[in-house]
Amino acid sequence: MVSPNRKVAIVGIGGVFPNCKDLSDFKQRLFAGESFIREWDETLLYGSSFRSKVSGFIDPKDISIETAYCSVVEGYAREYIDTLNRIPAGNMATSDMSAIGSMLGALGAIEMAGWTESEIQSEQTGVVIGTNNGGHALERPAWKGIFEKQQKTRLMGAHSAIRVMVYREAANVSGLIKNKGVCESIGSACATGLGNIGYAYRLIKFGLQDRAIAGGSEGNSIETFAGLDAMGVLSRGFNPEESSRPFDKDRKGLVCSFGSGVVALEEYEMAKARGANILAVIDSYFNNVDGDGDLFFPSFSGQKRLWKGMLDQHPVRPDVVKVHGTSTRAGDPVELFSVVDVLGDQGYHISAPKSQFGHTLGAAGAIELITAVMMLQEQKVLPCLNANNFNTELEPLQRTAEWDGPNYPINHYKHLISNKIVEKEINQIVCLNYGFGGANSAMSISKPS
């Protein structure tokens, strides 16, 4: 039934998270105010090549995944084995760590949702999961063997083409659960995770699907890490747990991290009728692009238009704003000023989960939406770790002739930003995520009535 009036519920969450065993471990440590960031041993293999060496990375052993190594090109991973047999060997064969994280997240979200096999395998159940760069570990032996040793292409194996497809996460999840509805991936850099969930929300809201598995994923990738290190945007010079520090005046850049976040979405009345445990209701979703031709620098006007688009759909007065909060010099001020320009500076708190586990890139919006659902459940605001000192002077962009935003320094808004967990009544949360290329996304969620 096509109708713009259908409501959408979040009925399941799952994923693979940095330095964690499972969802329960992730939640417990989040609300203990812990940092998941540590020194990444893989960066140490390259000496001084890398300036930054910290990450919220995934250790396969933490999630009971065993690495099988290549016998032809020594020291390189060939495939992964699920030691708990959650994922059949045939599905593991076509997957890198990003797709494996997506499949484990999907299984967890579906179990929490309580869907039957017939519901899962219905034409009314879709899969919408994307990535930013995925992961490249299983392709490395082929690159080395072919391009350095002039070995045969068969070294790549029969599954290499599947592992590098642009929608490999969605395809592998769909192959695992055998749904018969939509199977797609949306790519929008670091807005990918929330963008895929937003697209799935629209599919259900407008009656094209009744259920969807949606999210974002990012497998460990030293290649991705190297690219960001080359740009000079990665944090360095701090202890690992102090490296991600959104809004702090001493912030030096983002922490490149990895993981997977997946949610199960369902048409609200259907979920309610079957007695589902509704975790949250999606009030609205809106996305846009800056439109200024700048692929790197965030746009104040683009973010203000994002808020307007969301507010035009549904009344929004959040108790918490879950910000993108990357800990970059350029991004944090623009985001903070766009929030206070729209909402004012009273009545809500700002939460920056990247301060705890870093920037999980294509997974960020999905994992951080999961943290927002948890904040609704716990009635606690996750902190902006390491936001200890704030700039008392105007930012450079505030001194330009064309600036039309707030004219107070970041320090003026420090009451919105706590470096500790805050307990309060939380009924509505707005989630924000942005990406290179000018992609902007916003979603509002509420406690179920």
Protein backbone atom coordinates (compact mmCIF):
# COMPACT_ATOMS: atom_id res chain seq x y z
CA MET A 1 0.00 0.00 0.00
CA VAL A 2 1.56 3.28 -1.11
CA SER A 3 0.96 5.94 1.56
CA PRO A 4 3.12 8.79 2.83
CA ASN A 5 1.39 8.49 6.23
CA ARG A 6 2.87 5.17 7.34
CA LYS A 7 5.07 5.24 10.44
CA VAL A 8 8.34 3.36 10.74
CA ALA A 9 9.62 1.61 13.85
CA ILE A 10 13.09 0.42 14.79
CA VAL A 11 12.60 -3.11 16.11
CA GLY A 12 16.14 -4.51 16.12
CA ILE A 13 19.78 -3.42 16.30
CA GLY A 14 23.05 -5.26 15.80
CA GLY A 15 26.60 -4.84 14.63
CA VAL A 16 30.31 -5.26 15.10
CA PHE A 17 31.98 -2.59 17.17
CA PRO A 18 35.59 -1.51 17.84
CA ASN A 19 37.33 -3.39 20.63
CA CYS A 20 34.09 -5.20 21.63
CA LYS A 21 32.78 -8.75 21.73
CA ASP A 22 29.14 -8.01 20.99
CA LEU A 23 26.27 -5.53 21.29
CA SER A 24 25.91 -6.02 25.04
CA ASP A 25 29.62 -5.38 25.61
CA PHE A 26 29.41 -2.28 23.42
CA LYS A 27 26.44 -0.87 25.36
CA GLN A 28 27.92 -1.57 28.78
CA ARG A 29 31.20 0.11 27.94
CA LEU A 30 29.53 3.07 26.21
CA PHE A 31 27.55 3.95 29.31
CA ALA A 32 30.58 3.38 31.50
CA GLY A 33 32.08 6.31 29.57
CA GLU A 34 34.96 4.25 28.19
CA SER A 35 37.10 4.89 25.12
CA PHE A 36 37.37 2.13 22.50
CA ILE A 37 40.38 3.70 20.78
CA ARG A 38 43.82 2.08 20.97
CA GLU A 39 47.11 1.96 19.12
CA TRP A 40 46.65 0.01 15.90
CA ASP A 41 49.40 -2.58 15.56
CA GLU A 42 49.09 -2.63 11.77
CA THR A 43 50.26 0.99 11.50
CA LEU A 44 53.39 0.09 13.48
CA LEU A 45 54.50 -2.29 10.71
CA TYR A 46 55.30 0.69 8.49
CA GLY A 47 57.50 2.68 10.83
CA SER A 48 57.42 6.40 10.25
CA SER A 49 55.24 6.15 7.12
CA PHE A 50 52.17 6.91 9.22
CA ARG A 51 51.82 10.05 11.31
CA SER A 52 48.75 8.79 13.17
CA LYS A 53 48.77 5.35 14.78
CA VAL A 54 45.51 5.15 16.74
CA SER A 55 42.19 3.62 15.71
CA GLY A 56 39.00 1.99 16.90
CA PHE A 57 39.75 -1.11 14.84
CA ILE A 58 38.14 -4.55 14.74
CA ASP A 59 40.19 -7.49 16.00
CA PRO A 60 38.58 -10.54 14.30
CA LYS A 61 39.34 -12.66 17.37
CA ASP A 62 37.11 -10.39 19.49
CA ILE A 63 34.10 -11.51 17.43
CA SER A 64 35.20 -15.17 17.08
CA ILE A 65 36.44 -14.82 13.50
CA GLU A 66 39.61 -16.70 12.57
CA THR A 67 41.97 -15.52 9.83
CA ALA A 68 43.25 -18.14 7.36
CA TYR A 69 46.48 -17.09 5.69
CA CYS A 70 47.57 -17.46 2.08
CA SER A 71 50.09 -20.22 1.36
CA VAL A 72 51.21 -18.72 -1.97
CA VAL A 73 51.92 -15.18 -0.75
CA GLU A 74 53.12 -15.65 2.80
CA GLY A 75 51.78 -13.48 5.61
CA TYR A 76 48.63 -12.31 3.79
CA ALA A 77 45.05 -13.16 4.75
CA ARG A 78 43.23 -15.50 2.34
CA GLU A 79 39.80 -15.84 3.97
CA TYR A 80 37.96 -15.67 7.27
CA ILE A 81 36.33 -18.49 9.25
CA ASP A 82 33.42 -18.07 11.64
CA THR A 83 34.42 -20.28 14.57
CA LEU A 84 30.88 -20.10 16.02
CA ASN A 85 29.23 -21.18 12.73
CA ARG A 86 26.81 -18.26 12.71
CA ILE A 87 27.48 -17.69 9.02
CA PRO A 88 27.71 -20.69 6.63
CA ALA A 89 31.08 -21.28 4.96
CA GLY A 90 29.61 -20.54 1.53
CA ASN A 91 28.58 -17.05 2.63
CA MET A 92 31.93 -16.45 4.35
CA ALA A 93 33.74 -17.29 1.10
CA THR A 94 32.29 -14.24 -0.69
CA SER A 95 32.91 -11.82 2.16
CA ASP A 96 35.56 -9.50 3.50
CA MET A 97 35.37 -8.17 7.07
CA SER A 98 32.98 -5.39 6.09
CA ALA A 99 30.45 -7.85 4.68
CA ILE A 100 31.00 -10.22 7.63
CA GLY A 101 30.25 -7.39 10.05
CA SER A 102 27.10 -6.59 8.07
CA MET A 103 25.93 -10.21 8.19
CA LEU A 104 26.58 -10.54 11.93
CA GLY A 105 24.78 -7.23 12.50
CA ALA A 106 21.83 -8.35 10.38
CA LEU A 107 21.52 -11.66 12.26
CA GLY A 108 21.53 -9.81 15.58
CA ALA A 109 18.98 -7.22 14.45
CA ILE A 110 16.66 -9.89 13.01
CA GLU A 111 16.83 -11.98 16.18
CA MET A 112 15.94 -8.92 18.25
CA ALA A 113 13.10 -8.05 15.85
CA GLY A 114 11.59 -11.51 16.18
CA TRP A 115 10.72 -11.85 12.49
CA THR A 116 9.59 -15.25 11.24
CA GLU A 117 11.31 -17.00 8.34
CA SER A 118 8.39 -16.20 6.05
CA GLU A 119 8.60 -12.51 6.99
CA ILE A 120 12.36 -12.43 6.42
CA GLN A 121 12.12 -14.16 3.04
CA SER A 122 9.19 -12.06 1.85
CA GLU A 123 9.02 -9.77 -1.16
CA GLN A 124 8.13 -7.07 1.37
CA THR A 125 11.51 -7.30 3.15
CA GLY A 126 14.42 -5.29 1.76
CA VAL A 127 18.14 -4.97 2.45
CA VAL A 128 19.84 -1.56 2.20
CA ILE A 129 23.41 -1.54 3.50
CA GLY A 130 26.39 0.44 2.20
CA THR A 131 30.04 1.19 2.83
CA ASN A 132 32.51 3.99 2.26
CA ASN A 133 35.57 1.95 1.25
CA GLY A 134 34.86 -1.46 2.79
CA GLY A 135 38.10 -3.33 3.37
CA HIS A 136 40.92 -4.57 1.18
CA ALA A 137 42.73 -7.22 3.21
CA LEU A 138 41.69 -10.24 1.10
CA GLU A 139 42.74 -8.57 -2.15
CA ARG A 140 46.31 -7.88 -1.03
CA PRO A 141 47.82 -11.32 -1.82
CA ALA A 142 46.51 -11.07 -5.39
CA TRP A 143 47.88 -7.53 -5.82
CA LYS A 144 51.28 -8.59 -4.57
CA GLY A 145 51.28 -11.87 -6.50
CA ILE A 146 50.17 -10.38 -9.83
CA PHE A 147 51.77 -6.94 -9.84
CA GLU A 148 55.03 -7.74 -8.04
CA LYS A 149 55.62 -11.42 -8.76
CA GLN A 150 53.82 -11.72 -12.12
CA GLN A 151 51.82 -14.70 -10.91
CA LYS A 152 48.58 -15.91 -12.54
CA THR A 153 45.26 -14.12 -11.99
CA ARG A 154 43.75 -17.35 -10.67
CA LEU A 155 45.61 -16.53 -7.47
CA MET A 156 42.75 -14.05 -6.85
CA GLY A 157 40.29 -16.93 -6.55
CA ALA A 158 36.74 -17.23 -7.80
CA HIS A 159 35.23 -14.88 -5.19
CA SER A 160 37.36 -11.78 -5.64
CA ALA A 161 34.92 -10.03 -7.99
CA ILE A 162 32.10 -10.47 -5.46
CA ARG A 163 34.20 -9.12 -2.60
CA VAL A 164 34.83 -5.81 -4.37
CA MET A 165 31.30 -5.12 -5.67
CA VAL A 166 29.98 -1.72 -4.69
CA TYR A 167 26.99 -3.37 -2.97
CA ARG A 168 28.80 -6.38 -1.53
CA GLU A 169 27.50 -5.76 2.01
CA ALA A 170 23.86 -5.71 0.89
CA ALA A 171 24.39 -8.63 -1.51
CA ASN A 172 26.01 -10.82 1.12
CA VAL A 173 23.33 -10.05 3.71
CA SER A 174 20.58 -10.70 1.17
CA GLY A 175 22.24 -13.98 0.17
CA LEU A 176 22.38 -15.00 3.81
CA ILE A 177 18.80 -14.17 4.85
CA LYS A 178 17.20 -14.88 1.42
CA ASN A 179 14.87 -11.89 1.34
CA LYS A 180 13.04 -11.29 -1.94
CA GLY A 181 12.47 -7.53 -1.80
CA VAL A 182 14.87 -4.67 -2.46
CA CYS A 183 18.64 -5.20 -2.28
CA GLU A 184 20.58 -1.96 -2.71
CA SER A 185 23.46 0.16 -1.41
CA ILE A 186 23.61 3.94 -1.10
CA GLY A 187 27.02 5.59 -1.03
CA SER A 188 27.54 9.06 0.46
CA ALA A 189 30.97 8.87 2.14
CA CYS A 190 30.64 9.31 5.92
CA ALA A 191 26.89 9.92 5.62
CA THR A 192 26.48 6.41 4.15
CA GLY A 193 25.28 4.61 7.29
CA LEU A 194 22.46 7.04 8.07
CA GLY A 195 21.74 7.49 4.36
CA ASN A 196 21.02 3.79 3.85
CA ILE A 197 18.75 3.71 6.89
CA GLY A 198 17.02 6.85 5.66
CA TYR A 199 16.43 5.31 2.25
CA ALA A 200 15.04 2.15 3.87
CA TYR A 201 12.79 4.34 6.03
CA ARG A 202 11.38 5.95 2.88
CA LEU A 203 10.78 2.56 1.25
CA ILE A 204 8.61 1.57 4.21
CA LYS A 205 6.96 4.96 4.75
CA PHE A 206 5.77 5.07 1.13
CA GLY A 207 4.62 1.45 1.11
CA LEU A 208 7.26 -0.09 -1.15
CA GLN A 209 8.45 -2.45 1.61
CA ASP A 210 7.08 -3.48 4.99
CA ARG A 211 10.41 -4.38 6.58
CA ALA A 212 14.07 -3.63 5.93
CA ILE A 213 17.52 -4.51 7.18
CA ALA A 214 19.57 -1.34 6.83
CA GLY A 215 22.86 0.21 7.89
CA GLY A 216 26.50 0.82 7.09
CA SER A 217 29.78 -1.01 7.43
CA GLU A 218 33.52 -0.41 7.23
CA GLY A 219 36.11 -3.19 7.41
CA ASN A 220 39.64 -2.61 8.69
CA SER A 221 41.61 -1.02 5.87
CA ILE A 222 45.16 0.24 6.14
CA GLU A 223 44.68 1.68 2.64
CA THR A 224 41.79 3.88 3.81
CA PHE A 225 43.76 4.84 6.92
CA ALA A 226 46.76 5.79 4.76
CA GLY A 227 44.63 8.01 2.51
CA LEU A 228 43.26 9.96 5.46
CA ASP A 229 46.72 10.16 7.04
CA ALA A 230 48.04 11.61 3.76
CA MET A 231 45.34 14.31 3.92
CA GLY A 232 46.60 15.31 7.36
CA VAL A 233 43.15 14.97 8.95
CA LEU A 234 43.99 12.24 11.48
CA SER A 235 44.58 12.93 15.16
CA ARG A 236 48.08 12.51 16.57
CA GLY A 237 50.10 13.58 19.58
CA PHE A 238 47.68 12.28 22.26
CA ASN A 239 47.29 9.05 24.18
CA PRO A 240 44.85 6.80 22.28
CA GLU A 241 41.92 7.42 24.62
CA GLU A 242 42.45 11.19 24.38
CA SER A 243 42.82 11.34 20.60
CA SER A 244 39.19 11.96 19.66
CA ARG A 245 38.10 15.24 21.27
CA PRO A 246 35.19 16.93 19.46
CA PHE A 247 34.82 20.68 20.16
CA ASP A 248 37.91 20.79 22.40
CA LYS A 249 40.19 23.68 21.44
CA ASP A 250 43.21 21.36 21.24
CA ARG A 251 41.62 18.86 18.83
CA LYS A 252 43.91 17.83 15.98
CA GLY A 253 41.75 15.66 13.76
CA LEU A 254 39.60 12.57 13.55
CA VAL A 255 40.38 9.00 14.61
CA CYS A 256 39.91 6.57 11.71
CA SER A 257 37.92 3.59 12.99
CA PHE A 258 36.01 0.60 11.66
CA GLY A 259 32.87 -1.41 12.41
CA SER A 260 29.33 -2.26 11.31
CA GLY A 261 25.90 -1.06 12.37
CA VAL A 262 22.60 -2.63 11.27
CA VAL A 263 19.00 -1.92 12.24
CA ALA A 264 15.75 -3.76 11.57
CA LEU A 265 12.96 -1.42 10.45
CA GLU A 266 9.25 -2.28 10.23
CA GLU A 267 6.01 -0.51 9.46
CA TYR A 268 4.80 0.68 12.85
CA GLU A 269 1.25 -0.72 12.88
CA MET A 270 2.48 -4.13 11.72
CA ALA A 271 5.13 -4.19 14.43
CA LYS A 272 2.60 -3.09 17.04
CA ALA A 273 0.01 -5.68 15.93
CA ARG A 274 2.42 -8.59 16.35
CA GLY A 275 3.57 -7.36 19.77
CA ALA A 276 7.08 -6.40 18.71
CA ASN A 277 9.40 -4.65 21.12
CA ILE A 278 9.53 -1.24 19.44
CA LEU A 279 12.83 0.41 20.35
CA ALA A 280 12.17 3.77 18.71
CA VAL A 281 10.04 5.47 16.07
CA ILE A 282 11.58 7.38 13.18
CA ASP A 283 9.91 10.80 13.07
CA SER A 284 11.58 12.10 9.93
CA TYR A 285 14.59 11.84 7.67
CA PHE A 286 16.05 14.41 5.32
CA ASN A 287 19.21 14.64 3.25
CA ASN A 288 20.75 17.11 0.84
CA VAL A 289 24.06 18.24 -0.63
CA ASP A 290 25.91 21.50 0.01
CA GLY A 291 25.83 22.55 -3.62
CA ASP A 292 28.81 24.88 -3.35
CA GLY A 293 31.25 22.77 -5.35
CA ASP A 294 33.58 22.16 -2.40
CA LEU A 295 34.07 18.44 -1.79
CA PHE A 296 35.93 18.88 1.51
CA PHE A 297 34.93 21.90 3.59
CA PRO A 298 31.56 21.68 5.41
CA SER A 299 28.89 24.22 4.53
CA PHE A 300 26.99 26.23 7.15
CA SER A 301 24.23 27.05 4.66
CA GLY A 302 24.01 23.42 3.53
CA GLN A 303 23.57 22.25 7.12
CA LYS A 304 20.96 24.95 7.84
CA ARG A 305 19.01 23.79 4.78
CA LEU A 306 19.26 20.24 6.13
CA TRP A 307 17.59 21.30 9.37
CA LYS A 308 14.89 23.20 7.47
CA GLY A 309 14.10 20.15 5.35
CA MET A 310 13.73 17.95 8.42
CA LEU A 311 11.64 20.51 10.32
CA ASP A 312 9.30 20.91 7.34
CA GLN A 313 8.44 17.19 7.63
CA HIS A 314 7.80 16.83 11.35
CA PRO A 315 7.92 18.93 14.55
CA VAL A 316 11.37 18.57 16.09
CA ARG A 317 12.38 19.72 19.56
CA PRO A 318 15.10 17.27 20.58
CA ASP A 319 16.32 16.55 24.07
CA VAL A 320 19.62 15.40 22.55
CA VAL A 321 21.41 16.21 19.31
CA LYS A 322 23.72 13.37 18.33
CA VAL A 323 26.25 15.30 16.26
CA HIS A 324 28.66 14.09 13.59
CA GLY A 325 31.41 15.55 15.81
CA THR A 326 34.53 14.39 13.98
CA SER A 327 37.07 16.34 16.08
CA THR A 328 38.37 18.25 13.05
CA ARG A 329 39.33 21.92 13.14
CA ALA A 330 36.93 22.83 10.32
CA GLY A 331 33.99 20.52 10.89
CA ASP A 332 33.17 20.95 14.57
CA PRO A 333 32.52 24.73 14.57
CA VAL A 334 30.32 24.64 11.45
CA GLU A 335 28.20 21.84 12.89
CA LEU A 336 27.84 23.40 16.34
CA PHE A 337 26.90 26.79 14.90
CA SER A 338 24.30 25.28 12.56
CA VAL A 339 22.70 23.44 15.51
CA VAL A 340 22.47 26.48 17.79
CA ASP A 341 21.39 28.72 14.92
CA VAL A 342 18.29 26.52 14.50
CA LEU A 343 17.61 25.32 18.07
CA GLY A 344 18.99 28.13 20.18
CA ASP A 345 21.24 27.32 23.12
CA GLN A 346 18.87 25.95 25.74
CA GLY A 347 16.84 22.80 26.41
CA TYR A 348 18.99 20.06 24.90
CA HIS A 349 22.39 18.39 25.16
CA ILE A 350 24.93 17.52 22.49
CA SER A 351 26.35 14.00 22.30
CA ALA A 352 29.42 13.06 20.23
CA PRO A 353 29.87 9.25 20.20
CA LYS A 354 32.96 9.51 17.98
CA SER A 355 34.74 10.79 21.08
CA GLN A 356 34.46 7.24 22.43
CA PHE A 357 35.12 5.05 19.39
CA GLY A 358 36.34 7.31 16.60
CA HIS A 359 35.00 7.85 13.09
CA THR A 360 33.78 4.58 11.58
CA LEU A 361 33.36 6.20 8.16
CA GLY A 362 30.65 4.39 6.14
CA ALA A 363 29.38 2.74 9.33
CA ALA A 364 29.31 5.96 11.38
CA GLY A 365 25.70 7.00 10.84
CA ALA A 366 24.39 3.49 11.51
CA ILE A 367 26.47 2.79 14.63
CA GLU A 368 25.69 6.24 15.99
CA LEU A 369 21.96 5.79 15.37
CA ILE A 370 22.26 2.62 17.47
CA THR A 371 23.87 4.71 20.24
CA ALA A 372 20.91 7.11 19.98
CA VAL A 373 18.46 4.23 20.42
CA MET A 374 20.45 3.18 23.48
CA MET A 375 20.29 6.73 24.87
CA LEU A 376 16.49 6.58 24.57
CA GLN A 377 16.50 3.24 26.38
CA GLU A 378 18.85 4.31 29.17
CA GLN A 379 17.64 7.92 29.48
CA LYS A 380 21.28 9.00 29.52
CA VAL A 381 23.24 11.31 27.22
CA LEU A 382 26.52 9.84 26.01
CA PRO A 383 29.44 12.23 26.56
CA CYS A 384 31.77 14.31 24.43
CA LEU A 385 34.89 12.73 25.88
CA ASN A 386 37.95 14.98 26.09
CA ALA A 387 35.93 18.14 25.47
CA ASN A 388 37.72 19.84 28.34
CA ASN A 389 38.61 23.31 27.07
CA PHE A 390 36.79 25.46 24.56
CA ASN A 391 37.93 28.27 22.31
CA THR A 392 37.07 31.63 23.86
CA GLU A 393 37.74 33.51 20.62
CA LEU A 394 35.76 33.65 17.40
CA GLU A 395 36.52 31.01 14.79
CA PRO A 396 38.13 32.17 11.50
CA LEU A 397 34.90 31.62 9.55
CA GLN A 398 33.04 33.91 12.01
CA ARG A 399 35.38 36.75 11.09
CA THR A 400 34.55 36.66 7.38
CA ALA A 401 32.32 39.29 5.76
CA GLU A 402 29.83 36.71 4.47
CA TRP A 403 29.28 34.99 7.84
CA ASP A 404 25.60 35.07 8.84
CA GLY A 405 25.60 32.65 11.77
CA PRO A 406 26.10 32.92 15.55
CA ASN A 407 28.67 35.46 16.70
CA TYR A 408 29.68 33.86 19.97
CA PRO A 409 32.75 31.59 20.41
CA ILE A 410 32.42 27.86 21.04
CA ASN A 411 33.03 28.47 24.76
CA HIS A 412 29.66 30.27 24.93
CA TYR A 413 27.93 26.93 24.26
CA LYS A 414 29.92 24.77 26.66
CA HIS A 415 26.83 24.12 28.80
CA LEU A 416 25.44 22.03 25.92
CA ILE A 417 28.55 19.83 25.76
CA SER A 418 29.36 17.53 28.68
CA ASN A 419 32.44 15.32 28.88
CA LYS A 420 30.53 13.09 31.27
CA ILE A 421 27.31 11.09 30.98
CA VAL A 422 24.19 13.13 31.77
CA GLU A 423 21.00 11.54 33.13
CA LYS A 424 17.82 13.27 31.98
CA GLU A 425 14.42 12.66 30.42
CA ILE A 426 14.95 11.91 26.73
CA ASN A 427 11.97 11.67 24.39
CA GLN A 428 13.46 12.76 21.06
CA ILE A 429 16.95 12.66 19.52
CA VAL A 430 18.19 14.16 16.26
CA CYS A 431 21.07 12.34 14.55
CA LEU A 432 23.36 14.20 12.15
CA ASN A 433 25.97 12.85 9.74
CA TYR A 434 27.96 14.46 6.94
CA GLY A 435 30.33 13.24 4.24
CA PHE A 436 32.98 14.36 1.78
CA GLY A 437 31.36 15.63 -1.39
CA GLY A 438 28.93 17.79 0.62
CA ALA A 439 26.52 15.00 1.64
CA ASN A 440 24.34 15.88 4.64
CA SER A 441 21.84 13.65 6.46
CA ALA A 442 19.54 14.08 9.46
CA MET A 443 17.13 11.75 11.23
CA SER A 444 14.84 12.33 14.20
CA ILE A 445 13.82 9.42 16.41
CA SER A 446 11.50 9.27 19.42
CA LYS A 447 10.51 6.96 22.23
CA PRO A 448 7.55 4.80 21.22
CA SER A 449 4.26 6.10 22.61
